[in-house]
Each structure stands twice: as C-alpha cells, then as structure tokens.
Amino acid sequence: MARALVTGAEGWLAAQGARKVQLMVRAGNPAATLYGHLGYERQDVEVHGRWLAGPCPDRPDIVGR
C-alpha cells in the first residue's frame, strides 16, 4: 500500500509540472528503506529548525522561547 501511495503522489506531482520530489525522513524511520527501493537517494543537505513556543512534541525537555 505504501508503494502505491508514493507512486500515486509522484504521478500527481508530475502531472502538476513538478520535476523533483524531496522527502524529509527522520532518523530511524523504517520507511527510509522503502524510499531507497523506489529510487530515492540520500541528498547532501542540512535541515535547521527551531521551536518558537511550547515544548517539542518529541522532546518535552526542549522548550521554545
């Protein structure tokens, strides 16, 4: 089912004129294996983020300003 969802989304994006798909996958997510089988490659990028308010959902010890 996951494969069908990803390929369906790719088809829709291509029909809209998208030329590239990029996914953000958290470390340890088992879905990363599926994306590799579908031809997705790791990209050399950095992602930066900052919580502006309230605690981080994954790490309640981290609280925004």
PDB file of N, CA and C in Angstrom:
ATOM      1  N   MET A   1       0.823  -1.187   0.000  1.00  0.00           N
ATOM      2  CA  MET A   1       0.000   0.000   0.000  1.00  0.00           C
ATOM      3  C   MET A   1       0.878   1.266   0.000  1.00  0.00           C
ATOM      4  N   ALA A   2       1.946   1.266   0.781  1.00  0.00           N
ATOM      5  CA  ALA A   2       2.822   2.450   0.850  1.00  0.00           C
ATOM      6  C   ALA A   2       3.425   2.750  -0.517  1.00  0.00           C
ATOM      7  N   ARG A   3       3.832   1.699  -1.220  1.00  0.00           N
ATOM      8  CA  ARG A   3       4.407   1.894  -2.557  1.00  0.00           C
ATOM      9  C   ARG A   3       3.395   2.551  -3.478  1.00  0.00           C
ATOM     10  N   ALA A   4       2.151   2.098  -3.438  1.00  0.00           N
ATOM     11  CA  ALA A   4       1.094   2.664  -4.289  1.00  0.00           C
ATOM     12  C   ALA A   4       0.842   4.134  -3.932  1.00  0.00           C
ATOM     13  N   LEU A   5       0.863   4.470  -2.641  1.00  0.00           N
ATOM     14  CA  LEU A   5       0.654   5.861  -2.240  1.00  0.00           C
ATOM     15  C   LEU A   5       1.770   6.764  -2.758  1.00  0.00           C
ATOM     16  N   VAL A   6       3.020   6.308  -2.614  1.00  0.00           N
ATOM     17  CA  VAL A   6       4.153   7.127  -3.057  1.00  0.00           C
ATOM     18  C   VAL A   6       4.129   7.293  -4.573  1.00  0.00           C
ATOM     19  N   THR A   7       3.944   6.210  -5.307  1.00  0.00           N
ATOM     20  CA  THR A   7       3.951   6.321  -6.767  1.00  0.00           C
ATOM     21  C   THR A   7       2.744   7.125  -7.268  1.00  0.00           C
ATOM     22  N   GLY A   8       1.609   7.009  -6.580  1.00  0.00           N
ATOM     23  CA  GLY A   8       0.446   7.821  -6.942  1.00  0.00           C
ATOM     24  C   GLY A   8       0.715   9.303  -6.722  1.00  0.00           C
ATOM     25  N   ALA A   9       1.333   9.626  -5.597  1.00  0.00           N
ATOM     26  CA  ALA A   9       1.676  11.023  -5.312  1.00  0.00           C
ATOM     27  C   ALA A   9       2.680  11.540  -6.339  1.00  0.00           C
ATOM     28  N   GLU A  10       3.651  10.707  -6.712  1.00  0.00           N
ATOM     29  CA  GLU A  10       4.627  11.109  -7.732  1.00  0.00           C
ATOM     30  C   GLU A  10       3.943  11.395  -9.065  1.00  0.00           C
ATOM     31  N   GLY A  11       2.994  10.558  -9.426  1.00  0.00           N
ATOM     32  CA  GLY A  11       2.259  10.770 -10.671  1.00  0.00           C
ATOM     33  C   GLY A  11       1.495  12.076 -10.656  1.00  0.00           C
ATOM     34  N   TRP A  12       0.833  12.361  -9.532  1.00  0.00           N
ATOM     35  CA  TRP A  12       0.094  13.613  -9.407  1.00  0.00           C
ATOM     36  C   TRP A  12       1.044  14.799  -9.494  1.00  0.00           C
ATOM     37  N   LEU A  13       2.156  14.734  -8.775  1.00  0.00           N
ATOM     38  CA  LEU A  13       3.126  15.830  -8.803  1.00  0.00           C
ATOM     39  C   LEU A  13       3.675  16.056 -10.213  1.00  0.00           C
ATOM     40  N   ALA A  14       3.993  14.971 -10.908  1.00  0.00           N
ATOM     41  CA  ALA A  14       4.494  15.093 -12.285  1.00  0.00           C
ATOM     42  C   ALA A  14       3.452  15.751 -13.185  1.00  0.00           C
ATOM     43  N   ALA A  15       2.187  15.388 -13.003  1.00  0.00           N
ATOM     44  CA  ALA A  15       1.111  15.980 -13.806  1.00  0.00           C
ATOM     45  C   ALA A  15       0.962  17.477 -13.521  1.00  0.00           C
ATOM     46  N   GLN A  16       1.368  17.909 -12.327  1.00  0.00           N
ATOM     47  CA  GLN A  16       1.310  19.325 -11.965  1.00  0.00           C
ATOM     48  C   GLN A  16       2.543  20.086 -12.436  1.00  0.00           C
ATOM     49  N   GLY A  17       3.494  19.363 -13.012  1.00  0.00           N
ATOM     50  CA  GLY A  17       4.700  20.011 -13.521  1.00  0.00           C
ATOM     51  C   GLY A  17       5.914  19.911 -12.608  1.00  0.00           C
ATOM     52  N   ALA A  18       5.780  19.216 -11.485  1.00  0.00           N
ATOM     53  CA  ALA A  18       6.933  19.053 -10.591  1.00  0.00           C
ATOM     54  C   ALA A  18       8.000  18.215 -11.285  1.00  0.00           C
ATOM     55  N   ARG A  19       9.243  18.619 -11.118  1.00  0.00           N
ATOM     56  CA  ARG A  19      10.346  17.893 -11.746  1.00  0.00           C
ATOM     57  C   ARG A  19      11.148  17.079 -10.745  1.00  0.00           C
ATOM     58  N   LYS A  20      10.942  17.342  -9.463  1.00  0.00           N
ATOM     59  CA  LYS A  20      11.690  16.628  -8.436  1.00  0.00           C
ATOM     60  C   LYS A  20      10.845  16.504  -7.172  1.00  0.00           C
ATOM     61  N   VAL A  21      11.008  15.389  -6.488  1.00  0.00           N
ATOM     62  CA  VAL A  21      10.355  15.163  -5.207  1.00  0.00           C
ATOM     63  C   VAL A  21      11.441  15.059  -4.153  1.00  0.00           C
ATOM     64  N   GLN A  22      11.243  15.718  -3.033  1.00  0.00           N
ATOM     65  CA  GLN A  22      12.168  15.619  -1.917  1.00  0.00           C
ATOM     66  C   GLN A  22      11.377  15.241  -0.681  1.00  0.00           C
ATOM     67  N   LEU A  23      11.901  14.311   0.079  1.00  0.00           N
ATOM     68  CA  LEU A  23      11.250  13.847   1.295  1.00  0.00           C
ATOM     69  C   LEU A  23      12.138  14.148   2.490  1.00  0.00           C
ATOM     70  N   MET A  24      11.528  14.481   3.593  1.00  0.00           N
ATOM     71  CA  MET A  24      12.249  14.599   4.858  1.00  0.00           C
ATOM     72  C   MET A  24      11.843  13.402   5.699  1.00  0.00           C
ATOM     73  N   VAL A  25      12.813  12.576   6.049  1.00  0.00           N
ATOM     74  CA  VAL A  25      12.559  11.363   6.813  1.00  0.00           C
ATOM     75  C   VAL A  25      13.402  11.410   8.078  1.00  0.00           C
ATOM     76  N   ARG A  26      12.769  11.252   9.216  1.00  0.00           N
ATOM     77  CA  ARG A  26      13.506  11.283  10.482  1.00  0.00           C
ATOM     78  C   ARG A  26      14.415  10.058  10.602  1.00  0.00           C
ATOM     79  N   ALA A  27      15.550  10.252  11.258  1.00  0.00           N
ATOM     80  CA  ALA A  27      16.485   9.160  11.506  1.00  0.00           C
ATOM     81  C   ALA A  27      15.755   8.036  12.242  1.00  0.00           C
ATOM     82  N   GLY A  28      15.999   6.828  11.819  1.00  0.00           N
ATOM     83  CA  GLY A  28      15.384   5.670  12.458  1.00  0.00           C
ATOM     84  C   GLY A  28      14.023   5.288  11.897  1.00  0.00           C
ATOM     85  N   ASN A  29      13.486   6.077  10.968  1.00  0.00           N
ATOM     86  CA  ASN A  29      12.187   5.757  10.371  1.00  0.00           C
ATOM     87  C   ASN A  29      12.363   4.571   9.423  1.00  0.00           C
ATOM     88  N   PRO A  30      11.678   3.456   9.686  1.00  0.00           N
ATOM     89  CA  PRO A  30      11.830   2.282   8.824  1.00  0.00           C
ATOM     90  C   PRO A  30      11.365   2.516   7.381  1.00  0.00           C
ATOM     91  N   ALA A  31      10.577   3.564   7.142  1.00  0.00           N
ATOM     92  CA  ALA A  31      10.124   3.861   5.775  1.00  0.00           C
ATOM     93  C   ALA A  31      11.282   4.259   4.877  1.00  0.00           C
ATOM     94  N   ALA A  32      12.398   4.683   5.455  1.00  0.00           N
ATOM     95  CA  ALA A  32      13.551   5.086   4.648  1.00  0.00           C
ATOM     96  C   ALA A  32      13.981   3.965   3.714  1.00  0.00           C
ATOM     97  N   THR A  33      13.847   2.731   4.148  1.00  0.00           N
ATOM     98  CA  THR A  33      14.198   1.582   3.308  1.00  0.00           C
ATOM     99  C   THR A  33      13.302   1.534   2.073  1.00  0.00           C
ATOM    100  N   LEU A  34      12.012   1.771   2.254  1.00  0.00           N
ATOM    101  CA  LEU A  34      11.072   1.772   1.124  1.00  0.00           C
ATOM    102  C   LEU A  34      11.465   2.820   0.098  1.00  0.00           C
ATOM    103  N   TYR A  35      11.803   4.022   0.568  1.00  0.00           N
ATOM    104  CA  TYR A  35      12.150   5.082  -0.363  1.00  0.00           C
ATOM    105  C   TYR A  35      13.378   4.709  -1.180  1.00  0.00           C
ATOM    106  N   GLY A  36      14.338   4.053  -0.563  1.00  0.00           N
ATOM    107  CA  GLY A  36      15.509   3.592  -1.293  1.00  0.00           C
ATOM    108  C   GLY A  36      15.138   2.606  -2.395  1.00  0.00           C
ATOM    109  N   HIS A  37      14.203   1.700  -2.093  1.00  0.00           N
ATOM    110  CA  HIS A  37      13.749   0.727  -3.093  1.00  0.00           C
ATOM    111  C   HIS A  37      12.991   1.398  -4.230  1.00  0.00           C
ATOM    112  N   LEU A  38      12.422   2.568  -3.965  1.00  0.00           N
ATOM    113  CA  LEU A  38      11.677   3.291  -5.001  1.00  0.00           C
ATOM    114  C   LEU A  38      12.566   4.232  -5.810  1.00  0.00           C
ATOM    115  N   GLY A  39      13.870   4.204  -5.529  1.00  0.00           N
ATOM    116  CA  GLY A  39      14.793   5.014  -6.318  1.00  0.00           C
ATOM    117  C   GLY A  39      15.200   6.332  -5.694  1.00  0.00           C
ATOM    118  N   TYR A  40      14.708   6.609  -4.495  1.00  0.00           N
ATOM    119  CA  TYR A  40      15.102   7.837  -3.812  1.00  0.00           C
ATOM    120  C   TYR A  40      16.532   7.674  -3.303  1.00  0.00           C
ATOM    121  N   GLU A  41      17.302   8.736  -3.405  1.00  0.00           N
ATOM    122  CA  GLU A  41      18.693   8.724  -2.955  1.00  0.00           C
ATOM    123  C   GLU A  41      18.880   9.739  -1.839  1.00  0.00           C
ATOM    124  N   ARG A  42      19.793   9.426  -0.928  1.00  0.00           N
ATOM    125  CA  ARG A  42      20.121  10.392   0.125  1.00  0.00           C
ATOM    126  C   ARG A  42      20.721  11.628  -0.513  1.00  0.00           C
ATOM    127  N   GLN A  43      20.342  12.795  -0.019  1.00  0.00           N
ATOM    128  CA  GLN A  43      20.842  14.065  -0.526  1.00  0.00           C
ATOM    129  C   GLN A  43      21.744  14.698   0.526  1.00  0.00           C
ATOM    130  N   ASP A  44      22.722  15.430   0.075  1.00  0.00           N
ATOM    131  CA  ASP A  44      23.639  16.102   0.985  1.00  0.00           C
ATOM    132  C   ASP A  44      23.060  17.466   1.349  1.00  0.00           C
ATOM    133  N   VAL A  45      22.172  17.466   2.347  1.00  0.00           N
ATOM    134  CA  VAL A  45      21.529  18.709   2.786  1.00  0.00           C
ATOM    135  C   VAL A  45      21.508  18.760   4.311  1.00  0.00           C
ATOM    136  N   GLU A  46      21.282  19.932   4.824  1.00  0.00           N
ATOM    137  CA  GLU A  46      21.064  20.126   6.248  1.00  0.00           C
ATOM    138  C   GLU A  46      19.675  20.702   6.436  1.00  0.00           C
ATOM    139  N   VAL A  47      19.026  20.312   7.496  1.00  0.00           N
ATOM    140  CA  VAL A  47      17.721  20.861   7.847  1.00  0.00           C
ATOM    141  C   VAL A  47      17.879  21.540   9.194  1.00  0.00           C
ATOM    142  N   HIS A  48      17.465  22.773   9.273  1.00  0.00           N
ATOM    143  CA  HIS A  48      17.554  23.538  10.514  1.00  0.00           C
ATOM    144  C   HIS A  48      16.150  23.885  10.979  1.00  0.00           C
ATOM    145  N   GLY A  49      15.927  23.794  12.261  1.00  0.00           N
ATOM    146  CA  GLY A  49      14.615  24.129  12.804  1.00  0.00           C
ATOM    147  C   GLY A  49      14.747  24.673  14.206  1.00  0.00           C
ATOM    148  N   ARG A  50      13.704  25.356  14.642  1.00  0.00           N
ATOM    149  CA  ARG A  50      13.692  25.912  15.988  1.00  0.00           C
ATOM    150  C   ARG A  50      12.253  26.005  16.449  1.00  0.00           C
ATOM    151  N   TRP A  51      11.970  25.534  17.656  1.00  0.00           N
ATOM    152  CA  TRP A  51      10.641  25.649  18.229  1.00  0.00           C
ATOM    153  C   TRP A  51      10.470  27.064  18.763  1.00  0.00           C
ATOM    154  N   LEU A  52       9.404  27.722  18.355  1.00  0.00           N
ATOM    155  CA  LEU A  52       9.163  29.095  18.776  1.00  0.00           C
ATOM    156  C   LEU A  52       8.354  29.187  20.061  1.00  0.00           C
ATOM    157  N   ALA A  53       7.512  28.225  20.314  1.00  0.00           N
ATOM    158  CA  ALA A  53       6.676  28.277  21.511  1.00  0.00           C
ATOM    159  C   ALA A  53       6.328  26.862  21.945  1.00  0.00           C
ATOM    160  N   GLY A  54       6.234  26.681  23.232  1.00  0.00           N
ATOM    161  CA  GLY A  54       5.834  25.391  23.771  1.00  0.00           C
ATOM    162  C   GLY A  54       6.929  24.343  23.652  1.00  0.00           C
ATOM    163  N   PRO A  55       6.677  23.177  24.229  1.00  0.00           N
ATOM    164  CA  PRO A  55       7.671  22.120  24.187  1.00  0.00           C
ATOM    165  C   PRO A  55       7.691  21.395  22.839  1.00  0.00           C
ATOM    166  N   CYS A  56       8.825  20.841  22.526  1.00  0.00           N
ATOM    167  CA  CYS A  56       8.972  19.992  21.340  1.00  0.00           C
ATOM    168  C   CYS A  56       8.170  18.717  21.592  1.00  0.00           C
ATOM    169  N   PRO A  57       7.309  18.280  20.665  1.00  0.00           N
ATOM    170  CA  PRO A  57       6.498  17.086  20.895  1.00  0.00           C
ATOM    171  C   PRO A  57       7.325  15.827  21.168  1.00  0.00           C
ATOM    172  N   ASP A  58       8.479  15.709  20.518  1.00  0.00           N
ATOM    173  CA  ASP A  58       9.316  14.525  20.692  1.00  0.00           C
ATOM    174  C   ASP A  58      10.234  14.616  21.892  1.00  0.00           C
ATOM    175  N   ARG A  59      10.530  15.827  22.351  1.00  0.00           N
ATOM    176  CA  ARG A  59      11.474  16.040  23.440  1.00  0.00           C
ATOM    177  C   ARG A  59      10.919  17.106  24.382  1.00  0.00           C
ATOM    178  N   PRO A  60      10.079  16.702  25.359  1.00  0.00           N
ATOM    179  CA  PRO A  60       9.463  17.684  26.246  1.00  0.00           C
ATOM    180  C   PRO A  60      10.477  18.485  27.055  1.00  0.00           C
ATOM    181  N   ASP A  61      11.733  18.030  27.113  1.00  0.00           N
ATOM    182  CA  ASP A  61      12.748  18.788  27.843  1.00  0.00           C
ATOM    183  C   ASP A  61      13.225  20.008  27.043  1.00  0.00           C
ATOM    184  N   ILE A  62      12.866  20.072  25.751  1.00  0.00           N
ATOM    185  CA  ILE A  62      13.231  21.209  24.913  1.00  0.00           C
ATOM    186  C   ILE A  62      12.013  22.122  24.796  1.00  0.00           C
ATOM    187  N   VAL A  63      12.153  23.336  25.252  1.00  0.00           N
ATOM    188  CA  VAL A  63      11.039  24.287  25.236  1.00  0.00           C
ATOM    189  C   VAL A  63      11.449  25.515  24.441  1.00  0.00           C
ATOM    190  N   GLY A  64      10.549  25.978  23.585  1.00  0.00           N
ATOM    191  CA  GLY A  64      10.810  27.197  22.809  1.00  0.00           C
ATOM    192  C   GLY A  64      10.772  28.424  23.692  1.00  0.00           C
ATOM    193  N   ARG A  65      11.101  29.542  23.079  1.00  0.00           N
ATOM    194  CA  ARG A  65      11.113  30.806  23.831  1.00  0.00           C
ATOM    195  C   ARG A  65       9.734  31.273  24.169  1.00  0.00           C
TER     196      ARG A  65
END
